[in-house]
Amino acid sequence: MSDTLVLTAADLGGPLGERATLVQFSTAFCQPCRAARRVLGEVGAMLDGVEYVEIDAESHLDLVRRLDVLRTPTVLVLDAEGRVATRADGPPTKPAVIAALGTVL
């Protein structure tokens, strides 16, 4: 993944966080997506300046293709400017999300 890949508020359908943004690509019937939603929502709520955005992959196929999202959940950690800093496939753990945010905060 290129270091220059940048996502905007328009791409996400919501604001970027002042310090970081957690982005989750989900699908309607994805069981692991529910666990990811809970973990990312909790971490986002714990930290000032961190936003959590969930994107329905089926409704945003252009973005899915652009980012080469092959499965759900796929989680991206964006820095304050919207640059993709970290990417993970599958349901994240709270310690892994906090560690990933540590690279951009």
PDB file of N, CA and C in Angstrom:
ATOM      1  N   MET A   1       0.844  -1.174   0.000  1.00  0.00           N
ATOM      2  CA  MET A   1       0.000   0.000   0.000  1.00  0.00           C
ATOM      3  C   MET A   1       0.885   1.231   0.000  1.00  0.00           C
ATOM      4  N   SER A   2       0.565   2.173  -0.842  1.00  0.00           N
ATOM      5  CA  SER A   2       1.347   3.390  -0.978  1.00  0.00           C
ATOM      6  C   SER A   2       1.201   4.274   0.249  1.00  0.00           C
ATOM      7  N   ASP A   3       2.306   4.912   0.638  1.00  0.00           N
ATOM      8  CA  ASP A   3       2.271   5.834   1.765  1.00  0.00           C
ATOM      9  C   ASP A   3       1.489   7.094   1.418  1.00  0.00           C
ATOM     10  N   THR A   4       1.267   7.357   0.142  1.00  0.00           N
ATOM     11  CA  THR A   4       0.606   8.589  -0.268  1.00  0.00           C
ATOM     12  C   THR A   4      -0.906   8.436  -0.398  1.00  0.00           C
ATOM     13  N   LEU A   5      -1.459   7.259  -0.129  1.00  0.00           N
ATOM     14  CA  LEU A   5      -2.900   7.067  -0.219  1.00  0.00           C
ATOM     15  C   LEU A   5      -3.580   7.886   0.865  1.00  0.00           C
ATOM     16  N   VAL A   6      -4.452   8.803   0.439  1.00  0.00           N
ATOM     17  CA  VAL A   6      -5.142   9.700   1.361  1.00  0.00           C
ATOM     18  C   VAL A   6      -6.638   9.580   1.143  1.00  0.00           C
ATOM     19  N   LEU A   7      -7.375   9.489   2.236  1.00  0.00           N
ATOM     20  CA  LEU A   7      -8.832   9.478   2.179  1.00  0.00           C
ATOM     21  C   LEU A   7      -9.346  10.795   2.741  1.00  0.00           C
ATOM     22  N   THR A   8     -10.429  11.288   2.163  1.00  0.00           N
ATOM     23  CA  THR A   8     -11.019  12.552   2.590  1.00  0.00           C
ATOM     24  C   THR A   8     -12.346  12.294   3.301  1.00  0.00           C
ATOM     25  N   ALA A   9     -12.885  13.346   3.889  1.00  0.00           N
ATOM     26  CA  ALA A   9     -14.201  13.243   4.518  1.00  0.00           C
ATOM     27  C   ALA A   9     -15.245  12.831   3.488  1.00  0.00           C
ATOM     28  N   ALA A  10     -15.095  13.295   2.247  1.00  0.00           N
ATOM     29  CA  ALA A  10     -16.033  12.905   1.183  1.00  0.00           C
ATOM     30  C   ALA A  10     -15.951  11.405   0.898  1.00  0.00           C
ATOM     31  N   ASP A  11     -14.731  10.849   0.902  1.00  0.00           N
ATOM     32  CA  ASP A  11     -14.567   9.400   0.706  1.00  0.00           C
ATOM     33  C   ASP A  11     -15.268   8.627   1.811  1.00  0.00           C
ATOM     34  N   LEU A  12     -15.159   9.125   3.034  1.00  0.00           N
ATOM     35  CA  LEU A  12     -15.651   8.405   4.207  1.00  0.00           C
ATOM     36  C   LEU A  12     -17.113   8.664   4.506  1.00  0.00           C
ATOM     37  N   GLY A  13     -17.657   9.722   3.964  1.00  0.00           N
ATOM     38  CA  GLY A  13     -19.034  10.076   4.276  1.00  0.00           C
ATOM     39  C   GLY A  13     -19.191  10.624   5.677  1.00  0.00           C
ATOM     40  N   GLY A  14     -18.108  11.091   6.252  1.00  0.00           N
ATOM     41  CA  GLY A  14     -18.112  11.659   7.596  1.00  0.00           C
ATOM     42  C   GLY A  14     -16.789  12.331   7.866  1.00  0.00           C
ATOM     43  N   PRO A  15     -16.698  13.060   8.958  1.00  0.00           N
ATOM     44  CA  PRO A  15     -15.484  13.826   9.239  1.00  0.00           C
ATOM     45  C   PRO A  15     -14.295  12.952   9.629  1.00  0.00           C
ATOM     46  N   LEU A  16     -13.122  13.433   9.285  1.00  0.00           N
ATOM     47  CA  LEU A  16     -11.888  12.835   9.783  1.00  0.00           C
ATOM     48  C   LEU A  16     -11.713  13.250  11.233  1.00  0.00           C
ATOM     49  N   GLY A  17     -11.067  12.396  12.022  1.00  0.00           N
ATOM     50  CA  GLY A  17     -10.760  12.771  13.392  1.00  0.00           C
ATOM     51  C   GLY A  17      -9.656  13.816  13.423  1.00  0.00           C
ATOM     52  N   GLU A  18      -9.646  14.634  14.447  1.00  0.00           N
ATOM     53  CA  GLU A  18      -8.599  15.648  14.583  1.00  0.00           C
ATOM     54  C   GLU A  18      -7.217  15.015  14.678  1.00  0.00           C
ATOM     55  N   ARG A  19      -7.142  13.845  15.314  1.00  0.00           N
ATOM     56  CA  ARG A  19      -5.848  13.183  15.513  1.00  0.00           C
ATOM     57  C   ARG A  19      -5.709  11.907  14.695  1.00  0.00           C
ATOM     58  N   ALA A  20      -6.822  11.174  14.508  1.00  0.00           N
ATOM     59  CA  ALA A  20      -6.783   9.904  13.773  1.00  0.00           C
ATOM     60  C   ALA A  20      -8.216   9.478  13.466  1.00  0.00           C
ATOM     61  N   THR A  21      -8.329   8.574  12.490  1.00  0.00           N
ATOM     62  CA  THR A  21      -9.638   8.035  12.122  1.00  0.00           C
ATOM     63  C   THR A  21      -9.523   6.529  11.970  1.00  0.00           C
ATOM     64  N   LEU A  22     -10.458   5.816  12.583  1.00  0.00           N
ATOM     65  CA  LEU A  22     -10.570   4.368  12.431  1.00  0.00           C
ATOM     66  C   LEU A  22     -11.656   4.108  11.399  1.00  0.00           C
ATOM     67  N   VAL A  23     -11.325   3.396  10.335  1.00  0.00           N
ATOM     68  CA  VAL A  23     -12.266   3.125   9.258  1.00  0.00           C
ATOM     69  C   VAL A  23     -12.480   1.620   9.181  1.00  0.00           C
ATOM     70  N   GLN A  24     -13.745   1.208   9.207  1.00  0.00           N
ATOM     71  CA  GLN A  24     -14.084  -0.216   9.098  1.00  0.00           C
ATOM     72  C   GLN A  24     -14.952  -0.431   7.875  1.00  0.00           C
ATOM     73  N   PHE A  25     -14.525  -1.339   6.999  1.00  0.00           N
ATOM     74  CA  PHE A  25     -15.352  -1.783   5.883  1.00  0.00           C
ATOM     75  C   PHE A  25     -16.099  -3.016   6.336  1.00  0.00           C
ATOM     76  N   SER A  26     -17.441  -2.977   6.210  1.00  0.00           N
ATOM     77  CA  SER A  26     -18.298  -4.061   6.678  1.00  0.00           C
ATOM     78  C   SER A  26     -19.287  -4.463   5.598  1.00  0.00           C
ATOM     79  N   THR A  27     -19.920  -5.607   5.807  1.00  0.00           N
ATOM     80  CA  THR A  27     -21.055  -6.033   5.002  1.00  0.00           C
ATOM     81  C   THR A  27     -22.171  -6.440   5.953  1.00  0.00           C
ATOM     82  N   ALA A  28     -23.385  -6.456   5.449  1.00  0.00           N
ATOM     83  CA  ALA A  28     -24.573  -6.646   6.281  1.00  0.00           C
ATOM     84  C   ALA A  28     -24.560  -7.948   7.091  1.00  0.00           C
ATOM     85  N   PHE A  29     -24.107  -9.043   6.504  1.00  0.00           N
ATOM     86  CA  PHE A  29     -24.218 -10.337   7.182  1.00  0.00           C
ATOM     87  C   PHE A  29     -22.889 -10.833   7.745  1.00  0.00           C
ATOM     88  N   CYS A  30     -21.949  -9.930   7.937  1.00  0.00           N
ATOM     89  CA  CYS A  30     -20.613 -10.270   8.431  1.00  0.00           C
ATOM     90  C   CYS A  30     -20.622 -10.351   9.960  1.00  0.00           C
ATOM     91  N   GLN A  31     -20.520 -11.576  10.501  1.00  0.00           N
ATOM     92  CA  GLN A  31     -20.478 -11.756  11.956  1.00  0.00           C
ATOM     93  C   GLN A  31     -19.256 -11.088  12.589  1.00  0.00           C
ATOM     94  N   PRO A  32     -18.037 -11.273  12.053  1.00  0.00           N
ATOM     95  CA  PRO A  32     -16.864 -10.636  12.660  1.00  0.00           C
ATOM     96  C   PRO A  32     -16.945  -9.104  12.637  1.00  0.00           C
ATOM     97  N   CYS A  33     -17.738  -8.557  11.715  1.00  0.00           N
ATOM     98  CA  CYS A  33     -17.879  -7.101  11.642  1.00  0.00           C
ATOM     99  C   CYS A  33     -18.519  -6.539  12.901  1.00  0.00           C
ATOM    100  N   ARG A  34     -19.414  -7.312  13.507  1.00  0.00           N
ATOM    101  CA  ARG A  34     -20.073  -6.853  14.735  1.00  0.00           C
ATOM    102  C   ARG A  34     -19.068  -6.699  15.866  1.00  0.00           C
ATOM    103  N   ALA A  35     -18.171  -7.672  16.001  1.00  0.00           N
ATOM    104  CA  ALA A  35     -17.133  -7.585  17.031  1.00  0.00           C
ATOM    105  C   ALA A  35     -16.197  -6.421  16.742  1.00  0.00           C
ATOM    106  N   ALA A  36     -15.842  -6.246  15.468  1.00  0.00           N
ATOM    107  CA  ALA A  36     -14.962  -5.138  15.087  1.00  0.00           C
ATOM    108  C   ALA A  36     -15.628  -3.810  15.413  1.00  0.00           C
ATOM    109  N   ARG A  37     -16.915  -3.682  15.115  1.00  0.00           N
ATOM    110  CA  ARG A  37     -17.671  -2.445  15.392  1.00  0.00           C
ATOM    111  C   ARG A  37     -17.604  -2.105  16.877  1.00  0.00           C
ATOM    112  N   ARG A  38     -17.783  -3.113  17.713  1.00  0.00           N
ATOM    113  CA  ARG A  38     -17.751  -2.889  19.165  1.00  0.00           C
ATOM    114  C   ARG A  38     -16.374  -2.410  19.618  1.00  0.00           C
ATOM    115  N   VAL A  39     -15.328  -3.113  19.186  1.00  0.00           N
ATOM    116  CA  VAL A  39     -13.961  -2.767  19.600  1.00  0.00           C
ATOM    117  C   VAL A  39     -13.574  -1.378  19.102  1.00  0.00           C
ATOM    118  N   LEU A  40     -13.807  -1.114  17.828  1.00  0.00           N
ATOM    119  CA  LEU A  40     -13.408   0.174  17.261  1.00  0.00           C
ATOM    120  C   LEU A  40     -14.218   1.320  17.861  1.00  0.00           C
ATOM    121  N   GLY A  41     -15.496   1.092  18.096  1.00  0.00           N
ATOM    122  CA  GLY A  41     -16.322   2.110  18.735  1.00  0.00           C
ATOM    123  C   GLY A  41     -15.846   2.433  20.139  1.00  0.00           C
ATOM    124  N   GLU A  42     -15.485   1.403  20.907  1.00  0.00           N
ATOM    125  CA  GLU A  42     -14.987   1.609  22.270  1.00  0.00           C
ATOM    126  C   GLU A  42     -13.674   2.382  22.264  1.00  0.00           C
ATOM    127  N   VAL A  43     -12.754   1.994  21.392  1.00  0.00           N
ATOM    128  CA  VAL A  43     -11.460   2.675  21.335  1.00  0.00           C
ATOM    129  C   VAL A  43     -11.652   4.115  20.870  1.00  0.00           C
ATOM    130  N   GLY A  44     -12.479   4.313  19.844  1.00  0.00           N
ATOM    131  CA  GLY A  44     -12.731   5.669  19.365  1.00  0.00           C
ATOM    132  C   GLY A  44     -13.324   6.564  20.446  1.00  0.00           C
ATOM    133  N   ALA A  45     -14.208   6.008  21.275  1.00  0.00           N
ATOM    134  CA  ALA A  45     -14.833   6.777  22.345  1.00  0.00           C
ATOM    135  C   ALA A  45     -13.857   7.084  23.483  1.00  0.00           C
ATOM    136  N   MET A  46     -12.834   6.251  23.645  1.00  0.00           N
ATOM    137  CA  MET A  46     -11.857   6.435  24.729  1.00  0.00           C
ATOM    138  C   MET A  46     -10.886   7.578  24.465  1.00  0.00           C
ATOM    139  N   LEU A  47     -10.624   7.869  23.204  1.00  0.00           N
ATOM    140  CA  LEU A  47      -9.534   8.773  22.856  1.00  0.00           C
ATOM    141  C   LEU A  47     -10.045  10.051  22.187  1.00  0.00           C
ATOM    142  N   ASP A  48      -9.682  11.180  22.750  1.00  0.00           N
ATOM    143  CA  ASP A  48     -10.066  12.462  22.162  1.00  0.00           C
ATOM    144  C   ASP A  48      -9.426  12.628  20.793  1.00  0.00           C
ATOM    145  N   GLY A  49     -10.201  13.150  19.853  1.00  0.00           N
ATOM    146  CA  GLY A  49      -9.675  13.433  18.527  1.00  0.00           C
ATOM    147  C   GLY A  49      -9.630  12.242  17.598  1.00  0.00           C
ATOM    148  N   VAL A  50     -10.185  11.097  18.040  1.00  0.00           N
ATOM    149  CA  VAL A  50     -10.209   9.893  17.205  1.00  0.00           C
ATOM    150  C   VAL A  50     -11.661   9.624  16.797  1.00  0.00           C
ATOM    151  N   GLU A  51     -11.902   9.563  15.493  1.00  0.00           N
ATOM    152  CA  GLU A  51     -13.233   9.266  14.960  1.00  0.00           C
ATOM    153  C   GLU A  51     -13.274   7.815  14.493  1.00  0.00           C
ATOM    154  N   TYR A  52     -14.455   7.233  14.568  1.00  0.00           N
ATOM    155  CA  TYR A  52     -14.689   5.889  14.037  1.00  0.00           C
ATOM    156  C   TYR A  52     -15.741   5.999  12.946  1.00  0.00           C
ATOM    157  N   VAL A  53     -15.418   5.463  11.762  1.00  0.00           N
ATOM    158  CA  VAL A  53     -16.331   5.496  10.623  1.00  0.00           C
ATOM    159  C   VAL A  53     -16.498   4.079  10.099  1.00  0.00           C
ATOM    160  N   GLU A  54     -17.742   3.641   9.954  1.00  0.00           N
ATOM    161  CA  GLU A  54     -18.018   2.334   9.364  1.00  0.00           C
ATOM    162  C   GLU A  54     -18.579   2.548   7.958  1.00  0.00           C
ATOM    163  N   ILE A  55     -18.033   1.818   6.994  1.00  0.00           N
ATOM    164  CA  ILE A  55     -18.440   1.952   5.602  1.00  0.00           C
ATOM    165  C   ILE A  55     -19.008   0.618   5.129  1.00  0.00           C
ATOM    166  N   ASP A  56     -20.204   0.680   4.538  1.00  0.00           N
ATOM    167  CA  ASP A  56     -20.817  -0.512   3.956  1.00  0.00           C
ATOM    168  C   ASP A  56     -20.106  -0.798   2.626  1.00  0.00           C
ATOM    169  N   ALA A  57     -19.346  -1.869   2.607  1.00  0.00           N
ATOM    170  CA  ALA A  57     -18.538  -2.203   1.426  1.00  0.00           C
ATOM    171  C   ALA A  57     -19.387  -2.379   0.176  1.00  0.00           C
ATOM    172  N   GLU A  58     -20.568  -2.973   0.326  1.00  0.00           N
ATOM    173  CA  GLU A  58     -21.417  -3.234  -0.840  1.00  0.00           C
ATOM    174  C   GLU A  58     -21.955  -1.957  -1.470  1.00  0.00           C
ATOM    175  N   SER A  59     -22.073  -0.902  -0.688  1.00  0.00           N
ATOM    176  CA  SER A  59     -22.586   0.375  -1.190  1.00  0.00           C
ATOM    177  C   SER A  59     -21.482   1.313  -1.676  1.00  0.00           C
ATOM    178  N   HIS A  60     -20.239   0.946  -1.456  1.00  0.00           N
ATOM    179  CA  HIS A  60     -19.104   1.805  -1.820  1.00  0.00           C
ATOM    180  C   HIS A  60     -18.053   1.010  -2.598  1.00  0.00           C
ATOM    181  N   LEU A  61     -18.505   0.355  -3.656  1.00  0.00           N
ATOM    182  CA  LEU A  61     -17.615  -0.525  -4.427  1.00  0.00           C
ATOM    183  C   LEU A  61     -16.443   0.214  -5.056  1.00  0.00           C
ATOM    184  N   ASP A  62     -16.628   1.479  -5.432  1.00  0.00           N
ATOM    185  CA  ASP A  62     -15.520   2.245  -6.001  1.00  0.00           C
ATOM    186  C   ASP A  62     -14.382   2.392  -4.989  1.00  0.00           C
ATOM    187  N   LEU A  63     -14.725   2.698  -3.748  1.00  0.00           N
ATOM    188  CA  LEU A  63     -13.723   2.837  -2.695  1.00  0.00           C
ATOM    189  C   LEU A  63     -13.111   1.482  -2.333  1.00  0.00           C
ATOM    190  N   VAL A  64     -13.930   0.440  -2.305  1.00  0.00           N
ATOM    191  CA  VAL A  64     -13.450  -0.920  -2.035  1.00  0.00           C
ATOM    192  C   VAL A  64     -12.398  -1.317  -3.069  1.00  0.00           C
ATOM    193  N   ARG A  65     -12.681  -1.038  -4.331  1.00  0.00           N
ATOM    194  CA  ARG A  65     -11.719  -1.373  -5.399  1.00  0.00           C
ATOM    195  C   ARG A  65     -10.463  -0.530  -5.291  1.00  0.00           C
ATOM    196  N   ARG A  66     -10.633   0.751  -5.033  1.00  0.00           N
ATOM    197  CA  ARG A  66      -9.481   1.663  -4.914  1.00  0.00           C
ATOM    198  C   ARG A  66      -8.526   1.218  -3.806  1.00  0.00           C
ATOM    199  N   LEU A  67      -9.100   0.717  -2.718  1.00  0.00           N
ATOM    200  CA  LEU A  67      -8.293   0.308  -1.559  1.00  0.00           C
ATOM    201  C   LEU A  67      -7.975  -1.183  -1.553  1.00  0.00           C
ATOM    202  N   ASP A  68      -8.459  -1.903  -2.553  1.00  0.00           N
ATOM    203  CA  ASP A  68      -8.227  -3.337  -2.661  1.00  0.00           C
ATOM    204  C   ASP A  68      -8.714  -4.090  -1.418  1.00  0.00           C
ATOM    205  N   VAL A  69      -9.917  -3.755  -0.976  1.00  0.00           N
ATOM    206  CA  VAL A  69     -10.539  -4.447   0.156  1.00  0.00           C
ATOM    207  C   VAL A  69     -11.087  -5.772  -0.367  1.00  0.00           C
ATOM    208  N   LEU A  70     -10.556  -6.876   0.169  1.00  0.00           N
ATOM    209  CA  LEU A  70     -10.934  -8.205  -0.308  1.00  0.00           C
ATOM    210  C   LEU A  70     -11.847  -8.957   0.646  1.00  0.00           C
ATOM    211  N   ARG A  71     -11.921  -8.514   1.908  1.00  0.00           N
ATOM    212  CA  ARG A  71     -12.777  -9.191   2.881  1.00  0.00           C
ATOM    213  C   ARG A  71     -13.239  -8.191   3.922  1.00  0.00           C
ATOM    214  N   THR A  72     -14.269  -8.591   4.646  1.00  0.00           N
ATOM    215  CA  THR A  72     -14.742  -7.756   5.746  1.00  0.00           C
ATOM    216  C   THR A  72     -14.670  -8.555   7.041  1.00  0.00           C
ATOM    217  N   PRO A  73     -14.344  -7.902   8.135  1.00  0.00           N
ATOM    218  CA  PRO A  73     -13.998  -6.500   8.203  1.00  0.00           C
ATOM    219  C   PRO A  73     -12.563  -6.236   7.740  1.00  0.00           C
ATOM    220  N   THR A  74     -12.382  -5.104   7.101  1.00  0.00           N
ATOM    221  CA  THR A  74     -11.060  -4.542   6.845  1.00  0.00           C
ATOM    222  C   THR A  74     -11.026  -3.229   7.598  1.00  0.00           C
ATOM    223  N   VAL A  75      -9.951  -3.015   8.351  1.00  0.00           N
ATOM    224  CA  VAL A  75      -9.823  -1.831   9.193  1.00  0.00           C
ATOM    225  C   VAL A  75      -8.612  -1.024   8.741  1.00  0.00           C
ATOM    226  N   LEU A  76      -8.827   0.279   8.597  1.00  0.00           N
ATOM    227  CA  LEU A  76      -7.750   1.205   8.272  1.00  0.00           C
ATOM    228  C   LEU A  76      -7.584   2.181   9.426  1.00  0.00           C
ATOM    229  N   VAL A  77      -6.339   2.544   9.716  1.00  0.00           N
ATOM    230  CA  VAL A  77      -6.065   3.620  10.659  1.00  0.00           C
ATOM    231  C   VAL A  77      -5.486   4.761   9.836  1.00  0.00           C
ATOM    232  N   LEU A  78      -6.171   5.907   9.891  1.00  0.00           N
ATOM    233  CA  LEU A  78      -5.732   7.086   9.159  1.00  0.00           C
ATOM    234  C   LEU A  78      -5.134   8.093  10.125  1.00  0.00           C
ATOM    235  N   ASP A  79      -4.101   8.816   9.664  1.00  0.00           N
ATOM    236  CA  ASP A  79      -3.567   9.890  10.490  1.00  0.00           C
ATOM    237  C   ASP A  79      -4.467  11.118  10.358  1.00  0.00           C
ATOM    238  N   ALA A  80      -4.094  12.227  10.967  1.00  0.00           N
ATOM    239  CA  ALA A  80      -4.940  13.422  10.982  1.00  0.00           C
ATOM    240  C   ALA A  80      -5.200  13.984   9.587  1.00  0.00           C
ATOM    241  N   GLU A  81      -4.300  13.730   8.649  1.00  0.00           N
ATOM    242  CA  GLU A  81      -4.459  14.221   7.280  1.00  0.00           C
ATOM    243  C   GLU A  81      -5.200  13.233   6.383  1.00  0.00           C
ATOM    244  N   GLY A  82      -5.573  12.073   6.928  1.00  0.00           N
ATOM    245  CA  GLY A  82      -6.296  11.074   6.144  1.00  0.00           C
ATOM    246  C   GLY A  82      -5.409  10.073   5.435  1.00  0.00           C
ATOM    247  N   ARG A  83      -4.105  10.095   5.710  1.00  0.00           N
ATOM    248  CA  ARG A  83      -3.191   9.114   5.113  1.00  0.00           C
ATOM    249  C   ARG A  83      -3.371   7.760   5.799  1.00  0.00           C
ATOM    250  N   VAL A  84      -3.405   6.694   4.996  1.00  0.00           N
ATOM    251  CA  VAL A  84      -3.528   5.344   5.543  1.00  0.00           C
ATOM    252  C   VAL A  84      -2.199   4.972   6.193  1.00  0.00           C
ATOM    253  N   ALA A  85      -2.244   4.792   7.517  1.00  0.00           N
ATOM    254  CA  ALA A  85      -1.036   4.459   8.272  1.00  0.00           C
ATOM    255  C   ALA A  85      -0.917   2.964   8.510  1.00  0.00           C
ATOM    256  N   THR A  86      -2.055   2.314   8.753  1.00  0.00           N
ATOM    257  CA  THR A  86      -2.076   0.894   9.076  1.00  0.00           C
ATOM    258  C   THR A  86      -3.342   0.280   8.494  1.00  0.00           C
ATOM    259  N   ARG A  87      -3.229  -0.997   8.168  1.00  0.00           N
ATOM    260  CA  ARG A  87      -4.362  -1.732   7.605  1.00  0.00           C
ATOM    261  C   ARG A  87      -4.355  -3.142   8.172  1.00  0.00           C
ATOM    262  N   ALA A  88      -5.552  -3.663   8.467  1.00  0.00           N
ATOM    263  CA  ALA A  88      -5.663  -5.037   8.966  1.00  0.00           C
ATOM    264  C   ALA A  88      -6.952  -5.652   8.451  1.00  0.00           C
ATOM    265  N   ASP A  89      -6.915  -6.934   8.160  1.00  0.00           N
ATOM    266  CA  ASP A  89      -8.099  -7.689   7.758  1.00  0.00           C
ATOM    267  C   ASP A  89      -8.518  -8.559   8.933  1.00  0.00           C
ATOM    268  N   GLY A  90      -9.814  -8.712   9.107  1.00  0.00           N
ATOM    269  CA  GLY A  90     -10.328  -9.535  10.188  1.00  0.00           C
ATOM    270  C   GLY A  90     -10.642  -8.698  11.411  1.00  0.00           C
ATOM    271  N   PRO A  91     -11.291  -9.300  12.392  1.00  0.00           N
ATOM    272  CA  PRO A  91     -11.685  -8.548  13.578  1.00  0.00           C
ATOM    273  C   PRO A  91     -10.471  -8.166  14.424  1.00  0.00           C
ATOM    274  N   PRO A  92     -10.352  -6.900  14.786  1.00  0.00           N
ATOM    275  CA  PRO A  92      -9.200  -6.454  15.574  1.00  0.00           C
ATOM    276  C   PRO A  92      -9.419  -6.670  17.065  1.00  0.00           C
ATOM    277  N   THR A  93      -8.332  -6.715  17.793  1.00  0.00           N
ATOM    278  CA  THR A  93      -8.403  -6.723  19.253  1.00  0.00           C
ATOM    279  C   THR A  93      -8.167  -5.296  19.739  1.00  0.00           C
ATOM    280  N   LYS A  94      -8.668  -5.013  20.912  1.00  0.00           N
ATOM    281  CA  LYS A  94      -8.495  -3.666  21.467  1.00  0.00           C
ATOM    282  C   LYS A  94      -7.010  -3.292  21.605  1.00  0.00           C
ATOM    283  N   PRO A  95      -6.146  -4.180  22.136  1.00  0.00           N
ATOM    284  CA  PRO A  95      -4.723  -3.823  22.226  1.00  0.00           C
ATOM    285  C   PRO A  95      -4.085  -3.551  20.850  1.00  0.00           C
ATOM    286  N   ALA A  96      -4.497  -4.305  19.836  1.00  0.00           N
ATOM    287  CA  ALA A  96      -3.939  -4.098  18.486  1.00  0.00           C
ATOM    288  C   ALA A  96      -4.354  -2.737  17.932  1.00  0.00           C
ATOM    289  N   VAL A  97      -5.602  -2.339  18.159  1.00  0.00           N
ATOM    290  CA  VAL A  97      -6.075  -1.043  17.683  1.00  0.00           C
ATOM    291  C   VAL A  97      -5.351   0.090  18.398  1.00  0.00           C
ATOM    292  N   ILE A  98      -5.198  -0.036  19.699  1.00  0.00           N
ATOM    293  CA  ILE A  98      -4.497   0.993  20.474  1.00  0.00           C
ATOM    294  C   ILE A  98      -3.046   1.096  20.016  1.00  0.00           C
ATOM    295  N   ALA A  99      -2.408  -0.040  19.774  1.00  0.00           N
ATOM    296  CA  ALA A  99      -1.020  -0.020  19.290  1.00  0.00           C
ATOM    297  C   ALA A  99      -0.926   0.629  17.912  1.00  0.00           C
ATOM    298  N   ALA A 100      -1.873   0.324  17.034  1.00  0.00           N
ATOM    299  CA  ALA A 100      -1.874   0.924  15.692  1.00  0.00           C
ATOM    300  C   ALA A 100      -2.081   2.430  15.782  1.00  0.00           C
ATOM    301  N   LEU A 101      -2.955   2.872  16.665  1.00  0.00           N
ATOM    302  CA  LEU A 101      -3.171   4.306  16.835  1.00  0.00           C
ATOM    303  C   LEU A 101      -1.920   4.986  17.382  1.00  0.00           C
ATOM    304  N   GLY A 102      -1.151   4.245  18.189  1.00  0.00           N
ATOM    305  CA  GLY A 102       0.092   4.794  18.732  1.00  0.00           C
ATOM    306  C   GLY A 102       1.073   5.220  17.665  1.00  0.00           C
ATOM    307  N   THR A 103       0.966   4.647  16.471  1.00  0.00           N
ATOM    308  CA  THR A 103       1.879   5.030  15.391  1.00  0.00           C
ATOM    309  C   THR A 103       1.519   6.364  14.765  1.00  0.00           C
ATOM    310  N   VAL A 104       0.282   6.854  14.983  1.00  0.00           N
ATOM    311  CA  VAL A 104      -0.128   8.127  14.384  1.00  0.00           C
ATOM    312  C   VAL A 104      -0.457   9.218  15.399  1.00  0.00           C
ATOM    313  N   LEU A 105      -0.606   8.868  16.656  1.00  0.00           N
ATOM    314  CA  LEU A 105      -0.958   9.885  17.656  1.00  0.00           C
ATOM    315  C   LEU A 105       0.269  10.526  18.251  1.00  0.00           C
TER     316      LEU A 105
END
